C-alpha atoms as a PDB file:
ATOM      1  CA  MET A   1       0.076   0.007   0.052  1.00  0.00           C
ATOM      2  CA  GLU A   2       2.783   2.209  -0.969  1.00  0.00           C
ATOM      3  CA  ALA A   3       2.289   5.628  -2.617  1.00  0.00           C
ATOM      4  CA  PRO A   4       4.034   6.018  -6.020  1.00  0.00           C
ATOM      5  CA  ILE A   5       5.496   9.243  -5.456  1.00  0.00           C
ATOM      6  CA  SER A   6       8.376  10.790  -5.460  1.00  0.00           C
ATOM      7  CA  LEU A   7       9.770  12.947  -2.553  1.00  0.00           C
ATOM      8  CA  THR A   8       9.567  16.098  -4.440  1.00  0.00           C
ATOM      9  CA  ASN A   9       5.736  15.465  -4.595  1.00  0.00           C
ATOM     10  CA  HIS A  10       3.615  17.068  -1.703  1.00  0.00           C
ATOM     11  CA  TYR A  11       0.258  16.637  -3.002  1.00  0.00           C
ATOM     12  CA  ILE A  12      -0.041  13.191  -1.305  1.00  0.00           C
ATOM     13  CA  GLN A  13      -1.968  13.879   2.132  1.00  0.00           C
ATOM     14  CA  VAL A  14      -3.863  10.467   1.975  1.00  0.00           C
ATOM     15  CA  PRO A  15      -3.011   8.125   5.451  1.00  0.00           C
ATOM     16  CA  PHE A  16      -2.852   4.759   4.612  1.00  0.00           C
ATOM     17  CA  ALA A  17      -1.223   3.329   7.762  1.00  0.00           C
ATOM     18  CA  LYS A  18      -0.601   3.834  11.319  1.00  0.00           C
ATOM     19  CA  ILE A  19       3.152   3.557  12.988  1.00  0.00           C
ATOM     20  CA  ILE A  20       4.304   3.545  16.800  1.00  0.00           C
ATOM     21  CA  PHE A  21       7.792   4.106  17.104  1.00  0.00           C
ATOM     22  CA  PRO A  22       9.342   2.127  20.240  1.00  0.00           C
ATOM     23  CA  TYR A  23      11.939   5.195  21.261  1.00  0.00           C
ATOM     24  CA  ASP A  24      12.095   9.168  20.077  1.00  0.00           C
ATOM     25  CA  THR A  25      13.084   9.388  16.653  1.00  0.00           C
ATOM     26  CA  SER A  26      14.378  12.279  14.584  1.00  0.00           C
ATOM     27  CA  LEU A  27      12.658  14.132  12.105  1.00  0.00           C
ATOM     28  CA  PHE A  28      13.082  15.811   8.331  1.00  0.00           C
ATOM     29  CA  GLU A  29      11.722  18.173   6.627  1.00  0.00           C
ATOM     30  CA  LEU A  30      12.289  18.241   2.714  1.00  0.00           C
ATOM     31  CA  LYS A  31      14.701  21.392   1.453  1.00  0.00           C
ATOM     32  CA  HIS A  32      15.845  21.690  -2.157  1.00  0.00           C
ATOM     33  CA  SER A  33      15.204  18.329  -2.962  1.00  0.00           C
ATOM     34  CA  GLU A  34      17.325  17.142   0.281  1.00  0.00           C
ATOM     35  CA  LEU A  35      15.918  15.664   3.764  1.00  0.00           C
ATOM     36  CA  VAL A  36      17.170  18.243   6.781  1.00  0.00           C
ATOM     37  CA  LYS A  37      16.947  17.454  10.523  1.00  0.00           C
ATOM     38  CA  VAL A  38      14.776  19.194  11.842  1.00  0.00           C
ATOM     39  CA  LYS A  39      15.672  20.505  15.485  1.00  0.00           C
ATOM     40  CA  ASN A  40      14.327  20.718  18.492  1.00  0.00           C
ATOM     41  CA  GLU A  41      11.567  18.207  17.406  1.00  0.00           C
ATOM     42  CA  HIS A  42      11.335  14.421  17.097  1.00  0.00           C
ATOM     43  CA  VAL A  43       8.546  11.273  17.109  1.00  0.00           C
ATOM     44  CA  ALA A  44       7.938  10.867  20.862  1.00  0.00           C
ATOM     45  CA  ARG A  45       8.130   6.957  21.527  1.00  0.00           C
ATOM     46  CA  GLY A  46       4.753   5.074  22.044  1.00  0.00           C
ATOM     47  CA  THR A  47       2.883   7.820  20.159  1.00  0.00           C
ATOM     48  CA  SER A  48       0.853   6.992  16.753  1.00  0.00           C
ATOM     49  CA  HIS A  49       1.349   8.324  13.663  1.00  0.00           C
ATOM     50  CA  GLN A  50      -0.457   8.843  10.472  1.00  0.00           C
ATOM     51  CA  VAL A  51       1.631   7.886   7.598  1.00  0.00           C
ATOM     52  CA  VAL A  52       0.552   9.362   3.810  1.00  0.00           C
ATOM     53  CA  TYR A  53       3.898   8.027   1.894  1.00  0.00           C
ATOM     54  CA  LEU A  54       6.017   4.919   2.268  1.00  0.00           C
ATOM     55  CA  ASP A  55       9.612   3.930   0.104  1.00  0.00           C
ATOM     56  CA  ARG A  56      10.933   0.651   1.421  1.00  0.00           C
ATOM     57  CA  GLU A  57      13.697   1.145  -1.102  1.00  0.00           C
ATOM     58  CA  GLU A  58      15.181   4.336   0.132  1.00  0.00           C
ATOM     59  CA  ASP A  59      13.649   3.321   3.886  1.00  0.00           C
ATOM     60  CA  VAL A  60      12.059   6.706   4.098  1.00  0.00           C
ATOM     61  CA  MET A  61       8.305   7.466   5.134  1.00  0.00           C
ATOM     62  CA  GLN A  62       6.391  11.232   5.506  1.00  0.00           C
ATOM     63  CA  LEU A  63       4.133  11.471   8.170  1.00  0.00           C
ATOM     64  CA  ASP A  64       0.572  13.314   8.343  1.00  0.00           C
ATOM     65  CA  SER A  65       2.326  16.007   9.985  1.00  0.00           C
ATOM     66  CA  LYS A  66       4.563  16.660   6.135  1.00  0.00           C
ATOM     67  CA  LEU A  67       7.766  15.412   8.121  1.00  0.00           C
ATOM     68  CA  TYR A  68       9.894  12.830   7.159  1.00  0.00           C
ATOM     69  CA  VAL A  69      11.127   9.855   8.861  1.00  0.00           C
ATOM     70  CA  GLN A  70      14.511   8.289   7.696  1.00  0.00           C
ATOM     71  CA  GLN A  71      15.936   4.607   8.039  1.00  0.00           C
ATOM     72  CA  VAL A  72      12.617   3.709   9.207  1.00  0.00           C
ATOM     73  CA  ALA A  73      13.435  -0.261   9.264  1.00  0.00           C
ATOM     74  CA  HIS A  74      16.557   0.841  11.756  1.00  0.00           C
ATOM     75  CA  HIS A  75      13.860   2.063  14.455  1.00  0.00           C
ATOM     76  CA  ASN A  76      11.970  -0.786  14.470  1.00  0.00           C
ATOM     77  CA  PRO A  77       8.400   1.078  14.422  1.00  0.00           C
ATOM     78  CA  ARG A  78       5.047  -1.053  14.628  1.00  0.00           C
ATOM     79  CA  ILE A  79       3.190  -0.371  11.523  1.00  0.00           C
ATOM     80  CA  THR A  80      -0.149  -1.419  10.890  1.00  0.00           C
ATOM     81  CA  PHE A  81      -2.113  -0.805   7.576  1.00  0.00           C
ATOM     82  CA  GLY A  82      -6.131  -1.145   8.303  1.00  0.00           C
ATOM     83  CA  ARG A  83      -7.788  -4.161   9.139  1.00  0.00           C
ATOM     84  CA  ILE A  84      -9.651  -7.618   7.791  1.00  0.00           C
ATOM     85  CA  GLU A  85     -12.805  -8.603   8.839  1.00  0.00           C
ATOM     86  CA  LEU A  86     -13.783 -11.965   7.733  1.00  0.00           C
ATOM     87  CA  LEU A  87     -16.991 -12.831   6.672  1.00  0.00           C
ATOM     88  CA  ALA A  88     -16.717 -16.888   6.369  1.00  0.00           C
ATOM     89  CA  ASP A  89     -14.067 -18.991   7.988  1.00  0.00           C
ATOM     90  CA  ALA A  90     -10.521 -18.085   6.631  1.00  0.00           C
ATOM     91  CA  LYS A  91      -7.390 -20.369   5.962  1.00  0.00           C
ATOM     92  CA  VAL A  92      -4.141 -18.696   7.482  1.00  0.00           C
ATOM     93  CA  CYS A  93      -1.337 -19.706   5.577  1.00  0.00           C
ATOM     94  CA  THR A  94       2.601 -19.082   5.485  1.00  0.00           C
ATOM     95  CA  ARG A  95       4.414 -17.406   2.453  1.00  0.00           C
ATOM     96  CA  THR A  96       5.081 -20.815   0.802  1.00  0.00           C
ATOM     97  CA  GLY A  97       1.193 -21.594   0.906  1.00  0.00           C
ATOM     98  CA  LEU A  98       1.165 -24.036   3.787  1.00  0.00           C
ATOM     99  CA  VAL A  99      -1.734 -23.979   5.615  1.00  0.00           C
ATOM    100  CA  GLN A 100      -1.753 -22.800   9.606  1.00  0.00           C
ATOM    101  CA  ARG A 101      -4.535 -22.659  10.965  1.00  0.00           C
ATOM    102  CA  ILE A 102      -8.640 -21.569  10.150  1.00  0.00           C
ATOM    103  CA  VAL A 103      -9.707 -18.501  11.616  1.00  0.00           C
ATOM    104  CA  LYS A 104     -13.268 -18.029  12.020  1.00  0.00           C
ATOM    105  CA  GLU A 105     -16.062 -15.972  10.235  1.00  0.00           C
ATOM    106  CA  GLY A 106     -16.626 -12.679  12.234  1.00  0.00           C
ATOM    107  CA  ALA A 107     -12.782 -12.101  13.777  1.00  0.00           C
ATOM    108  CA  THR A 108     -11.171  -9.098  13.187  1.00  0.00           C
ATOM    109  CA  LEU A 109      -7.302  -8.801  12.628  1.00  0.00           C
ATOM    110  CA  LYS A 110      -4.602  -5.942  12.055  1.00  0.00           C
ATOM    111  CA  VAL A 111      -2.806  -6.120   8.917  1.00  0.00           C
ATOM    112  CA  LEU A 112       0.907  -5.867   9.068  1.00  0.00           C
ATOM    113  CA  GLU A 113       1.472  -5.978   5.333  1.00  0.00           C
ATOM    114  CA  VAL A 114      -0.328  -5.832   1.762  1.00  0.00           C
ATOM    115  CA  ILE A 115       1.449  -7.816  -0.717  1.00  0.00           C
ATOM    116  CA  PRO A 116      -0.067  -7.518  -4.363  1.00  0.00           C
ATOM    117  CA  HIS A 117       0.130 -10.244  -6.272  1.00  0.00           C
ATOM    118  CA  LYS A 118       2.967  -9.934  -9.271  1.00  0.00           C
ATOM    119  CA  GLU A 119       0.807 -10.915 -12.227  1.00  0.00           C
ATOM    120  CA  ASN A 120      -2.576  -9.443 -10.854  1.00  0.00           C
ATOM    121  CA  PRO A 121      -2.619  -6.579  -8.722  1.00  0.00           C
ATOM    122  CA  ASP A 122      -6.275  -6.821  -7.508  1.00  0.00           C
ATOM    123  CA  ILE A 123      -5.537  -9.871  -5.856  1.00  0.00           C
ATOM    124  CA  VAL A 124      -3.589  -9.233  -2.603  1.00  0.00           C
ATOM    125  CA  ARG A 125      -2.122 -10.980   0.515  1.00  0.00           C
ATOM    126  CA  TYR A 126      -2.679  -9.498   3.877  1.00  0.00           C
ATOM    127  CA  ARG A 127       0.346 -10.445   6.358  1.00  0.00           C
ATOM    128  CA  ILE A 128      -1.220 -10.438   9.569  1.00  0.00           C
ATOM    129  CA  GLY A 129       1.784 -12.239  11.739  1.00  0.00           C
ATOM    130  CA  LYS A 130       5.585 -13.056  11.365  1.00  0.00           C
ATOM    131  CA  ASP A 131       4.851 -15.562   8.715  1.00  0.00           C
ATOM    132  CA  SER A 132       0.968 -15.707   8.592  1.00  0.00           C
ATOM    133  CA  TYR A 133      -0.892 -14.487   5.786  1.00  0.00           C
ATOM    134  CA  ILE A 134      -4.350 -14.846   4.743  1.00  0.00           C
ATOM    135  CA  SER A 135      -5.761 -14.080   1.095  1.00  0.00           C
ATOM    136  CA  SER A 136      -7.860 -11.369  -0.558  1.00  0.00           C
ATOM    137  CA  LEU A 137      -9.592 -14.384  -2.484  1.00  0.00           C
ATOM    138  CA  GLU A 138     -11.200 -15.452   0.910  1.00  0.00           C
ATOM    139  CA  ALA A 139     -14.283 -13.937   2.171  1.00  0.00           C
ATOM    140  CA  VAL A 140     -12.608 -11.213   3.528  1.00  0.00           C
ATOM    141  CA  LYS A 141     -13.390  -7.327   4.027  1.00  0.00           C
ATOM    142  CA  PHE A 142     -10.772  -4.831   4.276  1.00  0.00           C
ATOM    143  CA  ILE A 143     -10.541  -1.461   5.645  1.00  0.00           C
ATOM    144  CA  ILE A 144      -7.538   1.066   5.905  1.00  0.00           C
ATOM    145  CA  GLY A 145      -9.775   3.677   7.766  1.00  0.00           C
ATOM    146  CA  HIS A 146     -12.884   6.305   7.455  1.00  0.00           C
ATOM    147  CA  ILE A 147     -12.883   9.947   5.790  1.00  0.00           C
ATOM    148  CA  THR A 148     -15.673  12.299   7.314  1.00  0.00           C
ATOM    149  CA  VAL A 149     -16.278  15.653   5.341  1.00  0.00           C
ATOM    150  CA  ALA A 150     -17.368  19.010   7.777  1.00  0.00           C
ATOM    151  CA  ASN A 151     -20.471  19.697   4.833  1.00  0.00           C
ATOM    152  CA  ASN A 152     -22.637  17.990   2.899  1.00  0.00           C
ATOM    153  CA  GLU A 153     -20.451  17.225  -0.082  1.00  0.00           C
ATOM    154  CA  LYS A 154     -21.621  16.445  -3.755  1.00  0.00           C
ATOM    155  CA  VAL A 155     -18.830  14.368  -5.786  1.00  0.00           C
ATOM    156  CA  TYR A 156     -19.067  13.288  -9.375  1.00  0.00           C
ATOM    157  CA  THR A 157     -17.806   9.868 -10.865  1.00  0.00           C
ATOM    158  CA  ASN A 158     -18.325   7.643 -13.770  1.00  0.00           C
ATOM    159  CA  GLY A 159     -20.724   9.766 -14.827  1.00  0.00           C
ATOM    160  CA  THR A 160     -22.769   9.885 -11.724  1.00  0.00           C
ATOM    161  CA  PHE A 161     -23.349  12.411  -8.875  1.00  0.00           C
ATOM    162  CA  TYR A 162     -23.168  10.886  -5.423  1.00  0.00           C
ATOM    163  CA  ASN A 163     -23.735  12.878  -1.873  1.00  0.00           C
ATOM    164  CA  LEU A 164     -21.850  12.368   0.799  1.00  0.00           C
ATOM    165  CA  THR A 165     -23.481  13.579   3.998  1.00  0.00           C
ATOM    166  CA  ALA A 166     -21.533  15.653   6.721  1.00  0.00           C
ATOM    167  CA  ASN A 167     -20.220  13.954   9.915  1.00  0.00           C
ATOM    168  CA  VAL A 168     -20.896  10.396   8.588  1.00  0.00           C
ATOM    169  CA  PRO A 169     -17.911   8.082   8.462  1.00  0.00           C
ATOM    170  CA  TYR A 170     -17.236   6.885   4.852  1.00  0.00           C
ATOM    171  CA  PHE A 171     -14.641   3.977   5.029  1.00  0.00           C
ATOM    172  CA  TYR A 172     -11.863   3.389   2.317  1.00  0.00           C
ATOM    173  CA  ASP A 173      -9.971   0.211   1.183  1.00  0.00           C
ATOM    174  CA  LYS A 174      -7.630   1.986  -1.307  1.00  0.00           C
ATOM    175  CA  VAL A 175      -5.302   4.959  -2.136  1.00  0.00           C
ATOM    176  CA  HIS A 176      -3.951   6.111  -5.379  1.00  0.00           C
ATOM    177  CA  ALA A 177      -2.469   9.411  -4.902  1.00  0.00           C
ATOM    178  CA  ASN A 178      -5.180  11.708  -3.108  1.00  0.00           C
ATOM    179  CA  ILE A 179      -8.057   9.398  -4.836  1.00  0.00           C
ATOM    180  CA  ILE A 180      -9.211   6.894  -2.441  1.00  0.00           C
ATOM    181  CA  HIS A 181     -11.962   3.958  -2.753  1.00  0.00           C
ATOM    182  CA  LEU A 182     -15.461   4.306  -0.468  1.00  0.00           C
ATOM    183  CA  THR A 183     -16.533   1.038   0.039  1.00  0.00           C
ATOM    184  CA  GLU A 184     -20.130   1.086   0.886  1.00  0.00           C
ATOM    185  CA  LEU A 185     -20.482   3.273  -2.081  1.00  0.00           C
ATOM    186  CA  ASP A 186     -17.838   1.830  -4.442  1.00  0.00           C
ATOM    187  CA  ILE A 187     -16.963   4.919  -6.203  1.00  0.00           C
ATOM    188  CA  TRP A 188     -13.310   6.962  -6.470  1.00  0.00           C
ATOM    189  CA  VAL A 189     -13.176  10.053  -4.849  1.00  0.00           C
ATOM    190  CA  ASP A 190     -10.284  12.851  -4.985  1.00  0.00           C
ATOM    191  CA  VAL A 191     -10.085  14.482  -1.586  1.00  0.00           C
ATOM    192  CA  SER A 192      -8.241  17.458  -3.245  1.00  0.00           C
ATOM    193  CA  LYS A 193     -11.619  18.398  -4.948  1.00  0.00           C
ATOM    194  CA  LEU A 194     -13.739  18.180  -1.156  1.00  0.00           C
ATOM    195  CA  GLY A 195     -13.977  20.792   1.270  1.00  0.00           C
ATOM    196  CA  THR A 196     -12.973  20.222   5.130  1.00  0.00           C
ATOM    197  CA  HIS A 197     -12.374  16.748   6.048  1.00  0.00           C
ATOM    198  CA  ARG A 198     -10.681  14.255   8.126  1.00  0.00           C
ATOM    199  CA  PHE A 199      -9.420  11.033   8.565  1.00  0.00           C
ATOM    200  CA  GLU A 200      -9.536   8.414  11.010  1.00  0.00           C
ATOM    201  CA  LEU A 201      -7.527   5.048  10.410  1.00  0.00           C
ATOM    202  CA  ILE A 202      -8.728   1.991  12.045  1.00  0.00           C
END
């Protein structure tokens, strides 16, 4: 669930993951395409923050404060990418496909990583433990979080107008740049075109 942008792009501000650092962690800001350490400011240990950008190869992320953390893996944080709810009994498998156990319908599980299928990105594996995965081919409902608009909004997508009611949470399960997929309405919404709104991750 990584945002496909470079550090020089700042329009991404849709949170898709929560992160908690086990100890105080330095923060950086982007200046002239370089990350510069912010003096007298850090992420306090044990506090939860929302992630809006993650590059595993460069090992850097951006928080919803618009500040960055470098050498993310070195800090050994706990990252969650939403949750899945089982709509029927589901198999939990290892990375190689060995069935570990069956989880009963109704269970809700935190997602530690979302891994797209190499040939079909619409199929993913949800990592729920060190070597425990549930496939999206199982009967599961995946949720990242929800968005709430401060005022009634009318959005236009695929030739149809849809109404978003103020102060009603709308769950989303996919993020592409600043466009999110609302699960109940099954539509994509560009949040940059909305008025005042807020996100809350699961």
